[in-house]
Protein backbone atom coordinates (compact mmCIF):
# COMPACT_ATOMS: atom_id res chain seq x y z
CA LEU A 1 80.91 237.82 0.20
CA GLU A 2 79.08 238.56 -3.05
CA ASP A 3 79.29 236.97 -6.48
CA GLU A 4 79.70 238.97 -9.69
CA TRP A 5 75.92 239.41 -9.99
CA GLY A 6 75.56 240.92 -6.52
CA ASN A 7 74.17 237.78 -4.86
CA VAL A 8 75.25 237.40 -1.24
CA ILE A 9 76.83 233.98 -0.64
CA PRO A 10 75.46 232.49 2.60
CA GLU A 11 78.15 231.97 5.25
CA LYS A 12 77.38 228.24 5.39
CA TYR A 13 79.06 227.89 1.96
CA TYR A 14 82.48 229.30 2.87
CA SER A 15 84.91 229.97 5.68
CA VAL A 16 87.35 232.85 6.13
CA GLY A 17 90.88 232.31 7.41
CA ARG A 18 92.86 234.72 9.57
CA GLY A 19 95.63 236.92 8.21
CA SER A 20 95.45 237.43 4.49
CA THR A 21 92.13 237.07 2.78
CA ILE A 22 91.74 233.28 2.71
CA ILE A 23 88.31 232.13 1.61
CA THR A 24 87.54 228.42 1.42
CA PHE A 25 84.34 227.39 -0.34
CA THR A 26 82.55 224.24 0.80
CA GLN A 27 82.25 221.28 -1.55
CA ALA A 28 78.45 221.69 -1.38
CA TYR A 29 78.76 225.20 -2.87
CA LEU A 30 81.30 224.17 -5.50
CA ASN A 31 78.95 221.39 -6.63
CA THR A 32 76.34 224.04 -7.53
CA LEU A 33 78.66 225.79 -10.02
CA ALA A 34 79.02 224.93 -13.70
CA LYS A 35 82.48 224.87 -15.28
CA GLY A 36 83.82 228.37 -15.78
CA THR A 37 85.40 231.31 -14.02
CA TYR A 38 83.53 233.27 -11.37
CA SER A 39 84.41 236.49 -9.56
CA TYR A 40 83.61 237.49 -6.00
CA ALA A 41 84.01 240.54 -3.80
CA ALA A 42 84.67 240.36 -0.06
CA TYR A 43 83.49 243.25 2.10
CA PHE A 44 85.42 244.31 5.20
CA THR A 45 84.94 247.12 7.71
CA ASP A 46 87.58 249.17 5.88
CA GLY A 47 86.47 248.50 2.29
CA VAL A 48 86.03 245.90 -0.41
CA THR A 49 88.60 243.62 -2.02
CA LYS A 50 89.59 243.59 -5.66
CA PRO A 51 87.80 240.80 -7.54
CA ILE A 52 88.58 237.30 -6.28
CA TYR A 53 88.52 234.76 -9.11
CA LEU A 54 87.50 231.12 -8.87
CA THR A 55 87.83 228.70 -11.80
CA VAL A 56 85.72 225.55 -11.70
CA GLY A 57 86.55 222.58 -13.90
CA SER A 58 89.14 222.53 -16.67
CA THR A 59 91.30 225.63 -17.14
CA ALA A 60 92.17 224.75 -20.75
CA GLY A 61 91.67 227.84 -22.87
CA ILE A 62 90.92 230.06 -19.88
CA SER A 63 93.22 232.99 -19.19
CA ILE A 64 93.76 233.20 -15.44
CA PRO A 65 94.93 236.60 -14.21
CA ARG A 66 98.24 236.70 -12.34
CA THR A 67 98.10 237.94 -8.80
CA GLY A 68 100.76 239.31 -6.51
CA ASP A 69 103.90 241.25 -7.27
CA ALA A 70 105.98 239.70 -10.06
CA THR A 71 108.78 242.29 -9.76
CA ALA A 72 112.24 240.73 -9.62
CA ARG A 73 113.93 241.56 -6.31
CA ALA A 74 117.55 240.83 -7.23
CA PRO A 75 118.09 243.92 -9.45
CA TRP A 76 116.65 246.17 -6.74
CA ALA A 77 118.86 244.59 -4.08
CA MET A 78 121.96 245.07 -6.27
CA LEU A 79 121.01 248.71 -6.88
CA MET A 80 120.62 249.30 -3.14
CA LEU A 81 123.99 247.65 -2.48
CA ALA A 82 125.67 249.79 -5.14
CA ALA A 83 124.13 252.94 -3.64
CA LEU A 84 125.33 251.94 -0.18
CA CYS A 85 128.88 251.39 -1.52
CA LEU A 86 128.80 254.79 -3.27
CA VAL A 87 127.64 256.58 -0.10
CA THR A 88 130.34 254.81 1.94
CA MET A 89 133.07 255.79 -0.55
CA LEU A 90 131.90 259.43 -0.63
CA ARG A 91 131.87 259.65 3.17
CA ARG A 92 135.38 258.22 3.41
CA LYS A 93 136.60 260.67 0.78
CA GLU A 94 135.05 263.63 2.66
CA SER A 95 136.68 262.60 5.94
CA ASN A 96 140.19 262.49 4.37
């Protein structure tokens, strides 16, 4: 794990959870940081992560980037259902 300036963060200051990339910083490390937003990069055997952001202190006036997929699923599900209905109707029509 490296910070945005390329400094390697000693393993005693964080733990890594299984599954998704879950990094938990120790309170001792957090106490060394001034208020603000910091970025980190985690290195794995198959590559490096996108920046991981950590905000310390108040978030007032700080723009925090959204993560994850914000795409609405309902319209896609309805489109798939409509396509399935259309395919079913066309197959029934062909068999008659």
